[in-house]
Protein backbone atom coordinates (compact mmCIF):
# COMPACT_ATOMS: atom_id res chain seq x y z
CA MET A 1 -12.63 -20.69 -33.72
CA ILE A 2 -13.37 -18.79 -30.34
CA ALA A 3 -14.98 -22.13 -29.11
CA ASN A 4 -11.70 -24.32 -30.16
CA THR A 5 -9.45 -21.33 -28.90
CA ILE A 6 -11.01 -21.06 -25.63
CA LYS A 7 -11.12 -24.72 -25.01
CA ALA A 8 -7.47 -25.31 -26.05
CA LEU A 9 -5.83 -22.82 -23.89
CA ARG A 10 -8.39 -23.66 -20.97
CA GLU A 11 -6.88 -27.42 -21.13
CA GLN A 12 -2.98 -26.43 -21.93
CA SER A 13 -3.56 -24.64 -18.32
CA GLY A 14 -4.32 -27.86 -16.78
CA LEU A 15 -7.91 -26.11 -15.67
CA SER A 16 -11.01 -27.59 -15.89
CA GLN A 17 -14.67 -26.13 -17.07
CA THR A 18 -16.00 -25.30 -13.56
CA GLN A 19 -12.42 -23.76 -12.58
CA LEU A 20 -12.18 -21.73 -15.45
CA ALA A 21 -15.90 -20.85 -14.81
CA ARG A 22 -15.02 -19.91 -10.73
CA ARG A 23 -12.16 -17.70 -11.99
CA LEU A 24 -14.42 -15.96 -14.43
CA ASN A 25 -17.07 -15.66 -11.31
CA ILE A 26 -19.69 -17.19 -14.01
CA THR A 27 -21.52 -20.48 -14.96
CA ARG A 28 -19.44 -23.78 -15.95
CA SER A 29 -22.33 -23.64 -18.26
CA SER A 30 -21.47 -20.48 -19.70
CA VAL A 31 -17.77 -21.89 -20.16
CA CYS A 32 -19.46 -25.14 -22.02
CA ALA A 33 -21.36 -22.99 -24.08
CA TRP A 34 -18.44 -20.70 -24.89
CA GLU A 35 -16.45 -23.90 -25.97
CA GLN A 36 -19.50 -25.55 -27.99
CA GLY A 37 -20.09 -22.57 -30.13
CA LEU A 38 -23.27 -22.16 -28.66
CA SER A 39 -22.79 -18.72 -27.34
CA CYS A 40 -19.81 -16.33 -27.50
CA PRO A 41 -18.06 -14.87 -24.65
CA THR A 42 -18.54 -10.74 -24.00
CA ALA A 43 -15.78 -8.32 -24.66
CA GLN A 44 -15.42 -8.02 -20.98
CA TYR A 45 -14.65 -11.48 -20.88
CA ILE A 46 -12.18 -11.68 -23.98
CA ILE A 47 -10.31 -9.25 -22.14
CA GLU A 48 -10.31 -11.46 -18.88
CA LEU A 49 -9.48 -14.65 -20.79
CA ALA A 50 -6.51 -13.15 -22.58
CA GLY A 51 -5.36 -11.72 -19.07
CA LEU A 52 -5.78 -14.84 -17.63
CA PHE A 53 -3.94 -17.41 -20.59
CA ARG A 54 -1.68 -14.71 -21.34
CA VAL A 55 -2.12 -14.17 -25.09
CA SER A 56 -3.67 -11.04 -27.44
CA THR A 57 -7.24 -10.56 -27.57
CA ASP A 58 -6.26 -11.16 -30.99
CA TYR A 59 -5.57 -14.88 -30.78
CA ILE A 60 -8.79 -15.64 -28.92
CA LEU A 61 -10.49 -13.61 -31.28
CA GLY A 62 -9.13 -15.83 -34.06
CA LEU A 63 -7.72 -12.20 -35.61
CA SER A 64 -3.47 -13.74 -34.88
CA THR A 65 -2.25 -17.26 -35.23
CA GLU A 66 0.80 -16.12 -33.25
CA GLN A 67 0.35 -17.08 -29.41
CA THR A 68 1.96 -14.41 -27.83
CA LEU A 69 2.81 -14.20 -24.72
CA ASP A 70 1.78 -11.27 -22.36
CA LEU A 71 5.25 -10.22 -19.85
CA SER A 72 3.40 -7.18 -18.49
CA GLY A 73 3.13 -8.82 -14.82
CA LEU A 74 7.08 -9.82 -14.69
CA ASN A 75 9.59 -8.41 -13.23
CA GLU A 76 12.98 -7.47 -15.10
CA GLU A 77 14.69 -10.93 -14.50
CA GLU A 78 11.47 -13.04 -14.79
CA LYS A 79 11.17 -11.24 -17.82
CA ARG A 80 14.90 -12.02 -18.84
CA ILE A 81 14.64 -15.63 -18.15
CA VAL A 82 11.91 -16.18 -19.78
CA GLN A 83 13.72 -14.36 -23.34
CA ASN A 84 16.91 -16.91 -22.44
CA LEU A 85 14.08 -19.83 -22.94
CA VAL A 86 12.65 -18.71 -25.53
CA GLN A 87 15.73 -18.50 -27.25
CA TYR A 88 17.24 -21.56 -25.98
CA PHE A 89 14.26 -23.44 -28.12
CA ASP A 90 14.73 -21.09 -31.37
CA ARG A 91 18.17 -22.98 -31.06
CA LYS A 92 16.89 -25.69 -30.34
CA ARG A 93 14.90 -25.67 -33.19
CA GLY A 94 17.59 -24.17 -35.93
CA VAL A 95 15.90 -21.05 -36.18
């Protein structure tokens, strides 16, 4: 589960395994092992992945099926823009 989530988040972000490894200051083979389920990232890396991909650690761990978005690094105007986009897509889907 964690393996698939990490791979999906990496691909959604348009990063290669090498690029993700560089951002985390680890080897590409470590990222590859995570994505193949051969090893699991430590708590430190789960937290770093969550911050990088702006999702919760629960989402990465498979404890939550909702992919939340961390807006803590945005200013108030940027948060308002994101909220307006979410509302727009909700209306478009009829939610």
